[in-house]
Amino acid sequence: MEVLVRESRHGLALVTGTRGLGGFAGMLLGSVSQGALHAQCPVVTVPVPDGRASR
């Protein structure tokens, strides 16, 4: 995540996916989307259909 945030200063936007784990599960598992709040460009968060991450 640190690399994405650092390199975001060169980007027009940082796009991340979300599995929709909120609340207590989201706190335990961490989140790229939450980490991206420190990006130096706009952040776009796209939900993954059915809450499944692509493989």
PDB file of N, CA and C in Angstrom:
ATOM      1  N   MET A   1       0.814  -1.182   0.000  1.00  0.00           N
ATOM      2  CA  MET A   1       0.000   0.000   0.000  1.00  0.00           C
ATOM      3  C   MET A   1       0.864   1.254   0.000  1.00  0.00           C
ATOM      4  N   GLU A   2       1.977   1.215   0.710  1.00  0.00           N
ATOM      5  CA  GLU A   2       2.842   2.396   0.793  1.00  0.00           C
ATOM      6  C   GLU A   2       3.313   2.839  -0.587  1.00  0.00           C
ATOM      7  N   VAL A   3       3.624   1.883  -1.454  1.00  0.00           N
ATOM      8  CA  VAL A   3       4.093   2.215  -2.803  1.00  0.00           C
ATOM      9  C   VAL A   3       2.978   2.894  -3.591  1.00  0.00           C
ATOM     10  N   LEU A   4       1.756   2.389  -3.488  1.00  0.00           N
ATOM     11  CA  LEU A   4       0.646   3.012  -4.205  1.00  0.00           C
ATOM     12  C   LEU A   4       0.434   4.449  -3.751  1.00  0.00           C
ATOM     13  N   VAL A   5       0.470   4.667  -2.455  1.00  0.00           N
ATOM     14  CA  VAL A   5       0.278   6.025  -1.928  1.00  0.00           C
ATOM     15  C   VAL A   5       1.413   6.937  -2.395  1.00  0.00           C
ATOM     16  N   ARG A   6       2.636   6.444  -2.322  1.00  0.00           N
ATOM     17  CA  ARG A   6       3.785   7.261  -2.740  1.00  0.00           C
ATOM     18  C   ARG A   6       3.700   7.600  -4.230  1.00  0.00           C
ATOM     19  N   GLU A   7       3.376   6.619  -5.046  1.00  0.00           N
ATOM     20  CA  GLU A   7       3.318   6.841  -6.494  1.00  0.00           C
ATOM     21  C   GLU A   7       2.060   7.573  -6.940  1.00  0.00           C
ATOM     22  N   SER A   8       1.077   7.717  -6.048  1.00  0.00           N
ATOM     23  CA  SER A   8      -0.162   8.402  -6.409  1.00  0.00           C
ATOM     24  C   SER A   8       0.074   9.870  -6.755  1.00  0.00           C
ATOM     25  N   ARG A   9       1.193  10.411  -6.340  1.00  0.00           N
ATOM     26  CA  ARG A   9       1.479  11.828  -6.665  1.00  0.00           C
ATOM     27  C   ARG A   9       1.670  12.026  -8.160  1.00  0.00           C
ATOM     28  N   HIS A  10       1.932  10.935  -8.895  1.00  0.00           N
ATOM     29  CA  HIS A  10       2.127  11.027 -10.338  1.00  0.00           C
ATOM     30  C   HIS A  10       0.864  10.674 -11.122  1.00  0.00           C
ATOM     31  N   GLY A  11      -0.189  10.229 -10.438  1.00  0.00           N
ATOM     32  CA  GLY A  11      -1.370   9.717 -11.132  1.00  0.00           C
ATOM     33  C   GLY A  11      -2.520  10.697 -11.185  1.00  0.00           C
ATOM     34  N   LEU A  12      -3.428  10.398 -12.102  1.00  0.00           N
ATOM     35  CA  LEU A  12      -4.665  11.174 -12.197  1.00  0.00           C
ATOM     36  C   LEU A  12      -5.704  10.634 -11.227  1.00  0.00           C
ATOM     37  N   ALA A  13      -5.621   9.328 -10.926  1.00  0.00           N
ATOM     38  CA  ALA A  13      -6.531   8.695  -9.974  1.00  0.00           C
ATOM     39  C   ALA A  13      -5.934   7.364  -9.525  1.00  0.00           C
ATOM     40  N   LEU A  14      -6.312   6.938  -8.345  1.00  0.00           N
ATOM     41  CA  LEU A  14      -5.940   5.628  -7.814  1.00  0.00           C
ATOM     42  C   LEU A  14      -7.225   4.818  -7.721  1.00  0.00           C
ATOM     43  N   VAL A  15      -7.278   3.695  -8.427  1.00  0.00           N
ATOM     44  CA  VAL A  15      -8.480   2.861  -8.459  1.00  0.00           C
ATOM     45  C   VAL A  15      -8.238   1.616  -7.624  1.00  0.00           C
ATOM     46  N   THR A  16      -9.141   1.357  -6.687  1.00  0.00           N
ATOM     47  CA  THR A  16      -9.055   0.161  -5.847  1.00  0.00           C
ATOM     48  C   THR A  16     -10.380  -0.579  -5.901  1.00  0.00           C
ATOM     49  N   GLY A  17     -10.350  -1.842  -5.558  1.00  0.00           N
ATOM     50  CA  GLY A  17     -11.571  -2.631  -5.459  1.00  0.00           C
ATOM     51  C   GLY A  17     -11.956  -2.783  -4.005  1.00  0.00           C
ATOM     52  N   THR A  18     -13.192  -3.177  -3.773  1.00  0.00           N
ATOM     53  CA  THR A  18     -13.656  -3.432  -2.418  1.00  0.00           C
ATOM     54  C   THR A  18     -14.511  -4.686  -2.407  1.00  0.00           C
ATOM     55  N   ARG A  19     -14.359  -5.485  -1.368  1.00  0.00           N
ATOM     56  CA  ARG A  19     -15.179  -6.679  -1.204  1.00  0.00           C
ATOM     57  C   ARG A  19     -16.370  -6.407  -0.308  1.00  0.00           C
ATOM     58  N   GLY A  20     -16.469  -5.191   0.204  1.00  0.00           N
ATOM     59  CA  GLY A  20     -17.620  -4.822   1.017  1.00  0.00           C
ATOM     60  C   GLY A  20     -17.567  -5.314   2.441  1.00  0.00           C
ATOM     61  N   LEU A  21     -16.380  -5.588   2.961  1.00  0.00           N
ATOM     62  CA  LEU A  21     -16.264  -6.012   4.352  1.00  0.00           C
ATOM     63  C   LEU A  21     -16.200  -4.772   5.227  1.00  0.00           C
ATOM     64  N   GLY A  22     -17.277  -4.457   5.846  1.00  0.00           N
ATOM     65  CA  GLY A  22     -17.304  -3.284   6.697  1.00  0.00           C
ATOM     66  C   GLY A  22     -17.391  -3.676   8.157  1.00  0.00           C
ATOM     67  N   GLY A  23     -17.608  -2.710   8.989  1.00  0.00           N
ATOM     68  CA  GLY A  23     -17.788  -2.968  10.408  1.00  0.00           C
ATOM     69  C   GLY A  23     -16.600  -3.657  11.046  1.00  0.00           C
ATOM     70  N   PHE A  24     -16.886  -4.605  11.922  1.00  0.00           N
ATOM     71  CA  PHE A  24     -15.843  -5.270  12.697  1.00  0.00           C
ATOM     72  C   PHE A  24     -14.891  -6.064  11.803  1.00  0.00           C
ATOM     73  N   ALA A  25     -15.410  -6.780  10.797  1.00  0.00           N
ATOM     74  CA  ALA A  25     -14.555  -7.557   9.889  1.00  0.00           C
ATOM     75  C   ALA A  25     -13.582  -6.647   9.155  1.00  0.00           C
ATOM     76  N   GLY A  26     -14.045  -5.498   8.713  1.00  0.00           N
ATOM     77  CA  GLY A  26     -13.174  -4.551   8.021  1.00  0.00           C
ATOM     78  C   GLY A  26     -12.053  -4.040   8.905  1.00  0.00           C
ATOM     79  N   MET A  27     -12.340  -3.839  10.179  1.00  0.00           N
ATOM     80  CA  MET A  27     -11.305  -3.375  11.107  1.00  0.00           C
ATOM     81  C   MET A  27     -10.242  -4.452  11.309  1.00  0.00           C
ATOM     82  N   LEU A  28     -10.659  -5.692  11.416  1.00  0.00           N
ATOM     83  CA  LEU A  28      -9.715  -6.778  11.657  1.00  0.00           C
ATOM     84  C   LEU A  28      -8.847  -7.076  10.437  1.00  0.00           C
ATOM     85  N   LEU A  29      -9.432  -7.028   9.263  1.00  0.00           N
ATOM     86  CA  LEU A  29      -8.733  -7.436   8.058  1.00  0.00           C
ATOM     87  C   LEU A  29      -7.931  -6.313   7.416  1.00  0.00           C
ATOM     88  N   GLY A  30      -8.177  -5.084   7.805  1.00  0.00           N
ATOM     89  CA  GLY A  30      -7.510  -3.969   7.159  1.00  0.00           C
ATOM     90  C   GLY A  30      -8.151  -3.715   5.809  1.00  0.00           C
ATOM     91  N   SER A  31      -7.699  -2.693   5.113  1.00  0.00           N
ATOM     92  CA  SER A  31      -8.332  -2.381   3.845  1.00  0.00           C
ATOM     93  C   SER A  31      -7.433  -1.512   2.994  1.00  0.00           C
ATOM     94  N   VAL A  32      -7.240  -1.923   1.761  1.00  0.00           N
ATOM     95  CA  VAL A  32      -6.490  -1.099   0.811  1.00  0.00           C
ATOM     96  C   VAL A  32      -7.236   0.212   0.600  1.00  0.00           C
ATOM     97  N   SER A  33      -8.558   0.125   0.545  1.00  0.00           N
ATOM     98  CA  SER A  33      -9.356   1.335   0.345  1.00  0.00           C
ATOM     99  C   SER A  33      -9.144   2.340   1.467  1.00  0.00           C
ATOM    100  N   GLN A  34      -9.062   1.857   2.703  1.00  0.00           N
ATOM    101  CA  GLN A  34      -8.827   2.755   3.826  1.00  0.00           C
ATOM    102  C   GLN A  34      -7.414   3.313   3.775  1.00  0.00           C
ATOM    103  N   GLY A  35      -6.454   2.507   3.387  1.00  0.00           N
ATOM    104  CA  GLY A  35      -5.075   2.968   3.265  1.00  0.00           C
ATOM    105  C   GLY A  35      -4.916   4.004   2.172  1.00  0.00           C
ATOM    106  N   ALA A  36      -5.748   3.906   1.143  1.00  0.00           N
ATOM    107  CA  ALA A  36      -5.667   4.830   0.012  1.00  0.00           C
ATOM    108  C   ALA A  36      -6.129   6.239   0.378  1.00  0.00           C
ATOM    109  N   LEU A  37      -6.676   6.413   1.560  1.00  0.00           N
ATOM    110  CA  LEU A  37      -7.103   7.749   1.974  1.00  0.00           C
ATOM    111  C   LEU A  37      -5.938   8.725   2.036  1.00  0.00           C
ATOM    112  N   HIS A  38      -4.712   8.208   2.069  1.00  0.00           N
ATOM    113  CA  HIS A  38      -3.535   9.068   2.114  1.00  0.00           C
ATOM    114  C   HIS A  38      -2.985   9.368   0.724  1.00  0.00           C
ATOM    115  N   ALA A  39      -3.677   8.922  -0.309  1.00  0.00           N
ATOM    116  CA  ALA A  39      -3.222   9.145  -1.686  1.00  0.00           C
ATOM    117  C   ALA A  39      -3.206  10.640  -2.004  1.00  0.00           C
ATOM    118  N   GLN A  40      -2.358  11.006  -2.935  1.00  0.00           N
ATOM    119  CA  GLN A  40      -2.211  12.405  -3.319  1.00  0.00           C
ATOM    120  C   GLN A  40      -2.939  12.707  -4.620  1.00  0.00           C
ATOM    121  N   CYS A  41      -3.910  11.878  -4.973  1.00  0.00           N
ATOM    122  CA  CYS A  41      -4.759  12.092  -6.141  1.00  0.00           C
ATOM    123  C   CYS A  41      -6.145  11.563  -5.769  1.00  0.00           C
ATOM    124  N   PRO A  42      -7.147  11.804  -6.609  1.00  0.00           N
ATOM    125  CA  PRO A  42      -8.471  11.264  -6.313  1.00  0.00           C
ATOM    126  C   PRO A  42      -8.440   9.735  -6.237  1.00  0.00           C
ATOM    127  N   VAL A  43      -9.278   9.164  -5.374  1.00  0.00           N
ATOM    128  CA  VAL A  43      -9.367   7.716  -5.203  1.00  0.00           C
ATOM    129  C   VAL A  43     -10.742   7.254  -5.659  1.00  0.00           C
ATOM    130  N   VAL A  44     -10.766   6.218  -6.499  1.00  0.00           N
ATOM    131  CA  VAL A  44     -12.007   5.618  -6.977  1.00  0.00           C
ATOM    132  C   VAL A  44     -12.067   4.207  -6.414  1.00  0.00           C
ATOM    133  N   THR A  45     -13.144   3.881  -5.707  1.00  0.00           N
ATOM    134  CA  THR A  45     -13.312   2.550  -5.145  1.00  0.00           C
ATOM    135  C   THR A  45     -14.446   1.850  -5.877  1.00  0.00           C
ATOM    136  N   VAL A  46     -14.146   0.681  -6.445  1.00  0.00           N
ATOM    137  CA  VAL A  46     -15.103  -0.066  -7.263  1.00  0.00           C
ATOM    138  C   VAL A  46     -15.480  -1.352  -6.537  1.00  0.00           C
ATOM    139  N   PRO A  47     -16.762  -1.569  -6.288  1.00  0.00           N
ATOM    140  CA  PRO A  47     -17.173  -2.809  -5.626  1.00  0.00           C
ATOM    141  C   PRO A  47     -17.000  -4.006  -6.564  1.00  0.00           C
ATOM    142  N   VAL A  48     -16.582  -5.140  -5.992  1.00  0.00           N
ATOM    143  CA  VAL A  48     -16.447  -6.380  -6.738  1.00  0.00           C
ATOM    144  C   VAL A  48     -17.798  -7.099  -6.680  1.00  0.00           C
ATOM    145  N   PRO A  49     -18.335  -7.549  -7.825  1.00  0.00           N
ATOM    146  CA  PRO A  49     -19.644  -8.221  -7.811  1.00  0.00           C
ATOM    147  C   PRO A  49     -19.651  -9.412  -6.844  1.00  0.00           C
ATOM    148  N   ASP A  50     -20.725  -9.564  -6.113  1.00  0.00           N
ATOM    149  CA  ASP A  50     -20.918 -10.674  -5.168  1.00  0.00           C
ATOM    150  C   ASP A  50     -19.881 -10.698  -4.064  1.00  0.00           C
ATOM    151  N   GLY A  51     -19.129  -9.631  -3.853  1.00  0.00           N
ATOM    152  CA  GLY A  51     -18.139  -9.596  -2.794  1.00  0.00           C
ATOM    153  C   GLY A  51     -16.949 -10.507  -3.020  1.00  0.00           C
ATOM    154  N   ARG A  52     -16.697 -10.931  -4.265  1.00  0.00           N
ATOM    155  CA  ARG A  52     -15.592 -11.843  -4.554  1.00  0.00           C
ATOM    156  C   ARG A  52     -14.438 -11.091  -5.197  1.00  0.00           C
ATOM    157  N   ALA A  53     -13.242 -11.337  -4.728  1.00  0.00           N
ATOM    158  CA  ALA A  53     -12.045 -10.742  -5.325  1.00  0.00           C
ATOM    159  C   ALA A  53     -11.694 -11.514  -6.580  1.00  0.00           C
ATOM    160  N   SER A  54     -11.217 -10.823  -7.605  1.00  0.00           N
ATOM    161  CA  SER A  54     -10.795 -11.517  -8.817  1.00  0.00           C
ATOM    162  C   SER A  54      -9.496 -12.276  -8.546  1.00  0.00           C
ATOM    163  N   ARG A  55      -9.318 -13.369  -9.231  1.00  0.00           N
ATOM    164  CA  ARG A  55      -8.129 -14.196  -9.008  1.00  0.00           C
ATOM    165  C   ARG A  55      -7.297 -14.279 -10.247  1.00  0.00           C
TER     166      ARG A  55
END
